Amino acid sequence: MKVYRTKEGTAFEVVCGILLFTMWVLVGIFCFGKTHHLNSETKTTILFLAAMGTISTLYCLYSAYRPKEKINMPIEIRTPLQYVHAVRMVRIGAVIISLLFIFIILTYATKSEFSNIGFKVCIFGLLGMVAIYTLIIKKIGKE
């Protein structure tokens, strides 16, 4: 099954684009700004985290267009409505993952308690969202 471009999908992609741009601006500030004096190992780690966050987010957005091949779930997806919810779950996951990597980078660079709390909220939000959508998709399959 192939998914075509929708307004909802475009909105998620724009939000992810803004979040990824924000993440790379933060990386630029932390790694190349004059105000932050981080050692080279920390800068390398921050650059690696930003690259992984970008790749993870883009892969989720790509997976939304090819759900049959790219989205693996513990239940069988058979109906179009199940695919709609699986695609939405992956797109929401892309937003949460980009936020997660922003908070990981902030936590790593600043040792801030706020960013540590944001990191935990993203982790539990991602787990909760996947659990809820899995139950919804399973329920739709039984109808």
N, C-alpha and C. Protein backbone atom coordinates (compact mmCIF):
# COMPACT_ATOMS: atom_id res chain seq x y z
N MET A 1 0.84 -1.18 0.00
CA MET A 1 0.00 0.00 0.00
C MET A 1 0.89 1.24 0.00
N LYS A 2 0.54 2.19 -0.80
CA LYS A 2 1.28 3.44 -0.86
C LYS A 2 0.39 4.57 -0.37
N VAL A 3 0.97 5.47 0.39
CA VAL A 3 0.23 6.60 0.93
C VAL A 3 0.64 7.84 0.14
N TYR A 4 -0.35 8.63 -0.21
CA TYR A 4 -0.07 9.86 -0.96
C TYR A 4 -0.07 11.06 -0.04
N ARG A 5 0.42 12.16 -0.54
CA ARG A 5 0.54 13.40 0.22
C ARG A 5 -0.84 13.92 0.63
N THR A 6 -0.94 14.30 1.91
CA THR A 6 -2.16 14.90 2.44
C THR A 6 -1.80 16.18 3.19
N LYS A 7 -2.80 16.97 3.51
CA LYS A 7 -2.55 18.19 4.29
C LYS A 7 -2.04 17.84 5.68
N GLU A 8 -2.60 16.78 6.26
CA GLU A 8 -2.15 16.34 7.58
C GLU A 8 -0.68 15.92 7.54
N GLY A 9 -0.32 15.13 6.54
CA GLY A 9 1.06 14.69 6.41
C GLY A 9 2.01 15.86 6.19
N THR A 10 1.60 16.81 5.36
CA THR A 10 2.42 17.99 5.12
C THR A 10 2.60 18.79 6.40
N ALA A 11 1.54 18.90 7.20
CA ALA A 11 1.64 19.63 8.47
C ALA A 11 2.66 18.97 9.40
N PHE A 12 2.62 17.65 9.50
CA PHE A 12 3.60 16.94 10.33
C PHE A 12 5.01 17.15 9.80
N GLU A 13 5.17 17.14 8.49
CA GLU A 13 6.50 17.32 7.89
C GLU A 13 7.02 18.74 8.15
N VAL A 14 6.14 19.73 8.08
CA VAL A 14 6.56 21.11 8.36
C VAL A 14 6.98 21.25 9.82
N VAL A 15 6.19 20.68 10.73
CA VAL A 15 6.54 20.73 12.16
C VAL A 15 7.89 20.05 12.40
N CYS A 16 8.09 18.90 11.80
CA CYS A 16 9.38 18.20 11.96
C CYS A 16 10.51 19.02 11.37
N GLY A 17 10.27 19.66 10.25
CA GLY A 17 11.29 20.51 9.65
C GLY A 17 11.68 21.66 10.55
N ILE A 18 10.69 22.29 11.17
CA ILE A 18 10.97 23.39 12.11
C ILE A 18 11.75 22.88 13.31
N LEU A 19 11.36 21.72 13.83
CA LEU A 19 12.06 21.15 14.99
C LEU A 19 13.49 20.76 14.63
N LEU A 20 13.70 20.18 13.47
CA LEU A 20 15.06 19.81 13.06
C LEU A 20 15.91 21.06 12.82
N PHE A 21 15.32 22.09 12.24
CA PHE A 21 16.05 23.34 12.05
C PHE A 21 16.45 23.92 13.41
N THR A 22 15.53 23.90 14.37
CA THR A 22 15.81 24.38 15.72
C THR A 22 16.94 23.57 16.35
N MET A 23 16.90 22.26 16.16
CA MET A 23 17.94 21.40 16.72
C MET A 23 19.31 21.77 16.15
N TRP A 24 19.39 21.99 14.85
CA TRP A 24 20.67 22.32 14.23
C TRP A 24 21.14 23.72 14.61
N VAL A 25 20.21 24.63 14.85
CA VAL A 25 20.61 25.96 15.35
C VAL A 25 21.23 25.81 16.74
N LEU A 26 20.62 25.00 17.58
CA LEU A 26 21.18 24.75 18.92
C LEU A 26 22.57 24.11 18.81
N VAL A 27 22.71 23.16 17.89
CA VAL A 27 24.01 22.53 17.69
C VAL A 27 25.04 23.58 17.27
N GLY A 28 24.66 24.46 16.37
CA GLY A 28 25.57 25.52 15.96
C GLY A 28 25.97 26.42 17.11
N ILE A 29 25.01 26.75 17.96
CA ILE A 29 25.30 27.60 19.11
C ILE A 29 26.23 26.89 20.09
N PHE A 30 25.92 25.61 20.39
CA PHE A 30 26.73 24.88 21.37
C PHE A 30 28.11 24.51 20.84
N CYS A 31 28.21 24.16 19.57
CA CYS A 31 29.48 23.67 19.04
C CYS A 31 30.36 24.78 18.45
N PHE A 32 29.75 25.81 17.92
CA PHE A 32 30.54 26.81 17.21
C PHE A 32 30.37 28.22 17.76
N GLY A 33 29.49 28.37 18.76
CA GLY A 33 29.28 29.69 19.36
C GLY A 33 30.42 30.07 20.29
N LYS A 34 30.57 31.34 20.49
CA LYS A 34 31.65 31.87 21.35
C LYS A 34 31.30 31.78 22.83
N THR A 35 29.99 31.64 23.15
CA THR A 35 29.59 31.68 24.56
C THR A 35 29.72 30.33 25.25
N HIS A 36 29.70 29.23 24.50
CA HIS A 36 29.79 27.92 25.12
C HIS A 36 31.18 27.34 24.89
N HIS A 37 31.80 26.95 25.97
CA HIS A 37 33.16 26.39 25.90
C HIS A 37 33.08 24.90 26.24
N LEU A 38 32.73 24.11 25.23
CA LEU A 38 32.65 22.67 25.41
C LEU A 38 33.89 22.04 24.82
N ASN A 39 34.32 20.92 25.40
CA ASN A 39 35.50 20.25 24.85
C ASN A 39 35.15 19.56 23.54
N SER A 40 36.14 19.14 22.81
CA SER A 40 35.93 18.59 21.47
C SER A 40 35.14 17.27 21.50
N GLU A 41 35.32 16.49 22.56
CA GLU A 41 34.57 15.24 22.68
C GLU A 41 33.07 15.52 22.82
N THR A 42 32.73 16.50 23.64
CA THR A 42 31.33 16.87 23.82
C THR A 42 30.74 17.42 22.52
N LYS A 43 31.50 18.24 21.81
CA LYS A 43 31.02 18.78 20.54
C LYS A 43 30.78 17.66 19.53
N THR A 44 31.68 16.70 19.47
CA THR A 44 31.52 15.57 18.56
C THR A 44 30.27 14.77 18.91
N THR A 45 30.05 14.56 20.19
CA THR A 45 28.87 13.82 20.63
C THR A 45 27.60 14.57 20.26
N ILE A 46 27.59 15.87 20.44
CA ILE A 46 26.41 16.68 20.10
C ILE A 46 26.14 16.61 18.60
N LEU A 47 27.19 16.70 17.79
CA LEU A 47 27.02 16.59 16.34
C LEU A 47 26.48 15.21 15.95
N PHE A 48 27.00 14.17 16.59
CA PHE A 48 26.52 12.80 16.33
C PHE A 48 25.05 12.66 16.72
N LEU A 49 24.67 13.19 17.88
CA LEU A 49 23.28 13.13 18.33
C LEU A 49 22.35 13.85 17.36
N ALA A 50 22.78 15.01 16.88
CA ALA A 50 21.96 15.76 15.93
C ALA A 50 21.80 15.00 14.62
N ALA A 51 22.87 14.37 14.17
CA ALA A 51 22.78 13.57 12.94
C ALA A 51 21.83 12.39 13.12
N MET A 52 21.93 11.72 14.26
CA MET A 52 21.05 10.57 14.54
C MET A 52 19.60 11.02 14.67
N GLY A 53 19.38 12.15 15.30
CA GLY A 53 18.02 12.69 15.42
C GLY A 53 17.43 13.03 14.06
N THR A 54 18.24 13.61 13.21
CA THR A 54 17.78 13.96 11.86
C THR A 54 17.46 12.70 11.06
N ILE A 55 18.36 11.73 11.09
CA ILE A 55 18.14 10.48 10.35
C ILE A 55 16.90 9.76 10.87
N SER A 56 16.74 9.68 12.18
CA SER A 56 15.59 8.99 12.77
C SER A 56 14.28 9.66 12.39
N THR A 57 14.25 10.98 12.47
CA THR A 57 13.03 11.71 12.13
C THR A 57 12.69 11.56 10.65
N LEU A 58 13.68 11.71 9.79
CA LEU A 58 13.44 11.59 8.36
C LEU A 58 13.02 10.17 7.98
N TYR A 59 13.58 9.17 8.64
CA TYR A 59 13.17 7.79 8.35
C TYR A 59 11.72 7.55 8.76
N CYS A 60 11.31 8.10 9.90
CA CYS A 60 9.90 7.97 10.30
C CYS A 60 8.98 8.62 9.27
N LEU A 61 9.35 9.82 8.83
CA LEU A 61 8.52 10.51 7.83
C LEU A 61 8.49 9.73 6.51
N TYR A 62 9.61 9.14 6.12
CA TYR A 62 9.67 8.31 4.92
C TYR A 62 8.81 7.07 5.09
N SER A 63 8.86 6.45 6.26
CA SER A 63 8.10 5.23 6.53
C SER A 63 6.60 5.46 6.41
N ALA A 64 6.16 6.66 6.70
CA ALA A 64 4.73 6.96 6.63
C ALA A 64 4.20 6.82 5.20
N TYR A 65 5.06 6.95 4.20
CA TYR A 65 4.63 6.82 2.81
C TYR A 65 4.68 5.39 2.30
N ARG A 66 5.29 4.49 3.04
CA ARG A 66 5.37 3.08 2.66
C ARG A 66 5.08 2.21 3.89
N PRO A 67 3.85 2.29 4.40
CA PRO A 67 3.55 1.60 5.67
C PRO A 67 3.62 0.07 5.57
N LYS A 68 3.25 -0.49 4.44
CA LYS A 68 3.24 -1.95 4.34
C LYS A 68 4.64 -2.54 4.47
N GLU A 69 5.65 -1.85 3.91
CA GLU A 69 7.02 -2.36 3.97
C GLU A 69 7.79 -1.89 5.20
N LYS A 70 7.48 -0.70 5.70
CA LYS A 70 8.34 -0.06 6.70
C LYS A 70 7.80 -0.04 8.13
N ILE A 71 6.50 -0.21 8.30
CA ILE A 71 5.93 -0.15 9.66
C ILE A 71 5.67 -1.57 10.14
N ASN A 72 6.38 -1.95 11.19
CA ASN A 72 6.21 -3.28 11.79
C ASN A 72 5.44 -3.13 13.09
N MET A 73 4.38 -3.93 13.21
CA MET A 73 3.57 -3.88 14.43
C MET A 73 3.32 -5.31 14.90
N PRO A 74 3.00 -5.46 16.18
CA PRO A 74 2.77 -6.81 16.70
C PRO A 74 1.42 -7.40 16.26
N ILE A 75 0.65 -6.63 15.49
CA ILE A 75 -0.64 -7.11 14.99
C ILE A 75 -0.65 -6.97 13.47
N GLU A 76 -1.52 -7.73 12.84
CA GLU A 76 -1.62 -7.66 11.39
C GLU A 76 -2.50 -6.49 10.99
N ILE A 77 -2.01 -5.69 10.06
CA ILE A 77 -2.78 -4.55 9.56
C ILE A 77 -3.41 -4.97 8.25
N ARG A 78 -4.77 -4.94 8.20
CA ARG A 78 -5.48 -5.42 7.02
C ARG A 78 -6.34 -4.34 6.37
N THR A 79 -6.93 -3.47 7.16
CA THR A 79 -7.91 -2.52 6.61
C THR A 79 -7.26 -1.17 6.33
N PRO A 80 -7.84 -0.41 5.41
CA PRO A 80 -7.32 0.94 5.14
C PRO A 80 -7.35 1.85 6.37
N LEU A 81 -8.37 1.70 7.21
CA LEU A 81 -8.45 2.53 8.42
C LEU A 81 -7.30 2.21 9.38
N GLN A 82 -6.91 0.95 9.45
CA GLN A 82 -5.75 0.58 10.27
C GLN A 82 -4.48 1.24 9.73
N TYR A 83 -4.34 1.27 8.41
CA TYR A 83 -3.18 1.93 7.81
C TYR A 83 -3.17 3.42 8.10
N VAL A 84 -4.34 4.05 8.07
CA VAL A 84 -4.42 5.48 8.37
C VAL A 84 -3.89 5.76 9.77
N HIS A 85 -4.31 4.94 10.73
CA HIS A 85 -3.86 5.13 12.11
C HIS A 85 -2.38 4.78 12.29
N ALA A 86 -1.90 3.76 11.58
CA ALA A 86 -0.47 3.41 11.67
C ALA A 86 0.39 4.54 11.11
N VAL A 87 -0.05 5.14 10.00
CA VAL A 87 0.70 6.24 9.41
C VAL A 87 0.69 7.45 10.35
N ARG A 88 -0.45 7.73 10.94
CA ARG A 88 -0.53 8.86 11.88
C ARG A 88 0.37 8.61 13.09
N MET A 89 0.40 7.37 13.57
CA MET A 89 1.26 7.03 14.71
C MET A 89 2.72 7.30 14.37
N VAL A 90 3.16 6.92 13.18
CA VAL A 90 4.54 7.12 12.78
C VAL A 90 4.86 8.61 12.64
N ARG A 91 3.92 9.37 12.12
CA ARG A 91 4.15 10.82 11.98
C ARG A 91 4.22 11.51 13.33
N ILE A 92 3.35 11.14 14.25
CA ILE A 92 3.42 11.69 15.60
C ILE A 92 4.74 11.27 16.24
N GLY A 93 5.14 10.02 16.00
CA GLY A 93 6.41 9.55 16.51
C GLY A 93 7.58 10.36 15.99
N ALA A 94 7.53 10.79 14.73
CA ALA A 94 8.60 11.62 14.16
C ALA A 94 8.72 12.94 14.91
N VAL A 95 7.58 13.55 15.23
CA VAL A 95 7.60 14.81 15.99
C VAL A 95 8.20 14.58 17.38
N ILE A 96 7.77 13.52 18.05
CA ILE A 96 8.27 13.23 19.39
C ILE A 96 9.76 12.91 19.35
N ILE A 97 10.20 12.17 18.35
CA ILE A 97 11.62 11.82 18.24
C ILE A 97 12.47 13.07 18.02
N SER A 98 12.00 13.99 17.18
CA SER A 98 12.80 15.21 16.99
C SER A 98 12.85 16.03 18.28
N LEU A 99 11.73 16.10 19.01
CA LEU A 99 11.75 16.77 20.32
C LEU A 99 12.69 16.05 21.29
N LEU A 100 12.65 14.73 21.27
CA LEU A 100 13.50 13.92 22.14
C LEU A 100 14.97 14.24 21.92
N PHE A 101 15.40 14.30 20.68
CA PHE A 101 16.80 14.59 20.41
C PHE A 101 17.17 16.03 20.76
N ILE A 102 16.23 16.96 20.63
CA ILE A 102 16.50 18.33 21.09
C ILE A 102 16.77 18.32 22.59
N PHE A 103 15.94 17.62 23.33
CA PHE A 103 16.13 17.57 24.78
C PHE A 103 17.39 16.80 25.17
N ILE A 104 17.74 15.76 24.42
CA ILE A 104 18.98 15.03 24.70
C ILE A 104 20.18 15.97 24.51
N ILE A 105 20.17 16.72 23.41
CA ILE A 105 21.27 17.65 23.14
C ILE A 105 21.33 18.73 24.21
N LEU A 106 20.17 19.28 24.59
CA LEU A 106 20.15 20.30 25.64
C LEU A 106 20.66 19.75 26.97
N THR A 107 20.24 18.53 27.30
CA THR A 107 20.69 17.91 28.54
C THR A 107 22.19 17.70 28.51
N TYR A 108 22.69 17.21 27.39
CA TYR A 108 24.12 16.92 27.27
C TYR A 108 24.96 18.20 27.32
N ALA A 109 24.48 19.26 26.68
CA ALA A 109 25.27 20.48 26.58
C ALA A 109 25.16 21.38 27.80
N THR A 110 24.00 21.41 28.43
CA THR A 110 23.78 22.38 29.51
C THR A 110 23.63 21.75 30.89
N LYS A 111 23.40 20.46 30.95
CA LYS A 111 23.16 19.76 32.23
C LYS A 111 21.97 20.37 32.98
N SER A 112 21.00 20.86 32.22
CA SER A 112 19.83 21.53 32.78
C SER A 112 18.79 20.51 33.26
N GLU A 113 18.18 20.78 34.38
CA GLU A 113 17.13 19.91 34.92
C GLU A 113 15.88 19.98 34.05
N PHE A 114 15.60 21.16 33.49
CA PHE A 114 14.43 21.33 32.62
C PHE A 114 14.53 20.41 31.40
N SER A 115 15.68 20.39 30.76
CA SER A 115 15.83 19.55 29.57
C SER A 115 15.82 18.07 29.94
N ASN A 116 16.27 17.73 31.13
CA ASN A 116 16.22 16.35 31.60
C ASN A 116 14.76 15.92 31.79
N ILE A 117 13.93 16.81 32.32
CA ILE A 117 12.50 16.51 32.49
C ILE A 117 11.84 16.38 31.11
N GLY A 118 12.19 17.28 30.18
CA GLY A 118 11.65 17.20 28.83
C GLY A 118 12.01 15.89 28.15
N PHE A 119 13.22 15.42 28.37
CA PHE A 119 13.67 14.14 27.84
C PHE A 119 12.78 13.01 28.36
N LYS A 120 12.52 13.00 29.65
CA LYS A 120 11.69 11.95 30.25
C LYS A 120 10.25 12.02 29.75
N VAL A 121 9.72 13.23 29.61
CA VAL A 121 8.36 13.39 29.09
C VAL A 121 8.27 12.84 27.67
N CYS A 122 9.29 13.10 26.84
CA CYS A 122 9.30 12.59 25.46
C CYS A 122 9.34 11.07 25.44
N ILE A 123 10.16 10.47 26.29
CA ILE A 123 10.26 9.01 26.33
C ILE A 123 8.91 8.40 26.70
N PHE A 124 8.31 8.88 27.79
CA PHE A 124 7.02 8.33 28.22
C PHE A 124 5.91 8.67 27.23
N GLY A 125 5.99 9.83 26.61
CA GLY A 125 5.01 10.19 25.59
C GLY A 125 5.09 9.28 24.39
N LEU A 126 6.30 8.97 23.96
CA LEU A 126 6.49 8.08 22.82
C LEU A 126 5.98 6.67 23.13
N LEU A 127 6.33 6.17 24.30
CA LEU A 127 5.86 4.84 24.69
C LEU A 127 4.34 4.80 24.82
N GLY A 128 3.78 5.81 25.46
CA GLY A 128 2.32 5.88 25.62
C GLY A 128 1.60 5.99 24.29
N MET A 129 2.11 6.82 23.39
CA MET A 129 1.49 7.00 22.08
C MET A 129 1.51 5.70 21.29
N VAL A 130 2.62 4.98 21.30
CA VAL A 130 2.70 3.71 20.58
C VAL A 130 1.73 2.69 21.19
N ALA A 131 1.65 2.64 22.50
CA ALA A 131 0.74 1.70 23.16
C ALA A 131 -0.72 2.02 22.81
N ILE A 132 -1.08 3.29 22.88
CA ILE A 132 -2.47 3.68 22.60
C ILE A 132 -2.83 3.40 21.14
N TYR A 133 -1.95 3.79 20.22
CA TYR A 133 -2.24 3.55 18.81
C TYR A 133 -2.26 2.06 18.47
N THR A 134 -1.43 1.27 19.12
CA THR A 134 -1.47 -0.17 18.88
C THR A 134 -2.81 -0.75 19.31
N LEU A 135 -3.31 -0.30 20.45
CA LEU A 135 -4.63 -0.76 20.91
C LEU A 135 -5.74 -0.30 19.97
N ILE A 136 -5.66 0.94 19.49
CA ILE A 136 -6.67 1.45 18.55
C ILE A 136 -6.65 0.64 17.26
N ILE A 137 -5.46 0.40 16.73
CA ILE A 137 -5.34 -0.35 15.47
C ILE A 137 -5.83 -1.79 15.64
N LYS A 138 -5.53 -2.37 16.79
CA LYS A 138 -6.00 -3.74 17.08
C LYS A 138 -7.53 -3.79 17.16
N LYS A 139 -8.11 -2.79 17.82
CA LYS A 139 -9.57 -2.73 17.96
C LYS A 139 -10.24 -2.55 16.60
N ILE A 140 -9.68 -1.70 15.75
CA ILE A 140 -10.25 -1.49 14.42
C ILE A 140 -10.21 -2.79 13.61
N GLY A 141 -9.15 -3.57 13.77
CA GLY A 141 -9.03 -4.85 13.05
C GLY A 141 -10.05 -5.88 13.45
N LYS A 142 -10.59 -5.79 14.68
CA LYS A 142 -11.58 -6.76 15.15
C LYS A 142 -12.99 -6.40 14.68
N GLU A 143 -13.18 -5.16 14.26
CA GLU A 143 -14.53 -4.73 13.85
C GLU A 143 -14.89 -5.24 12.50
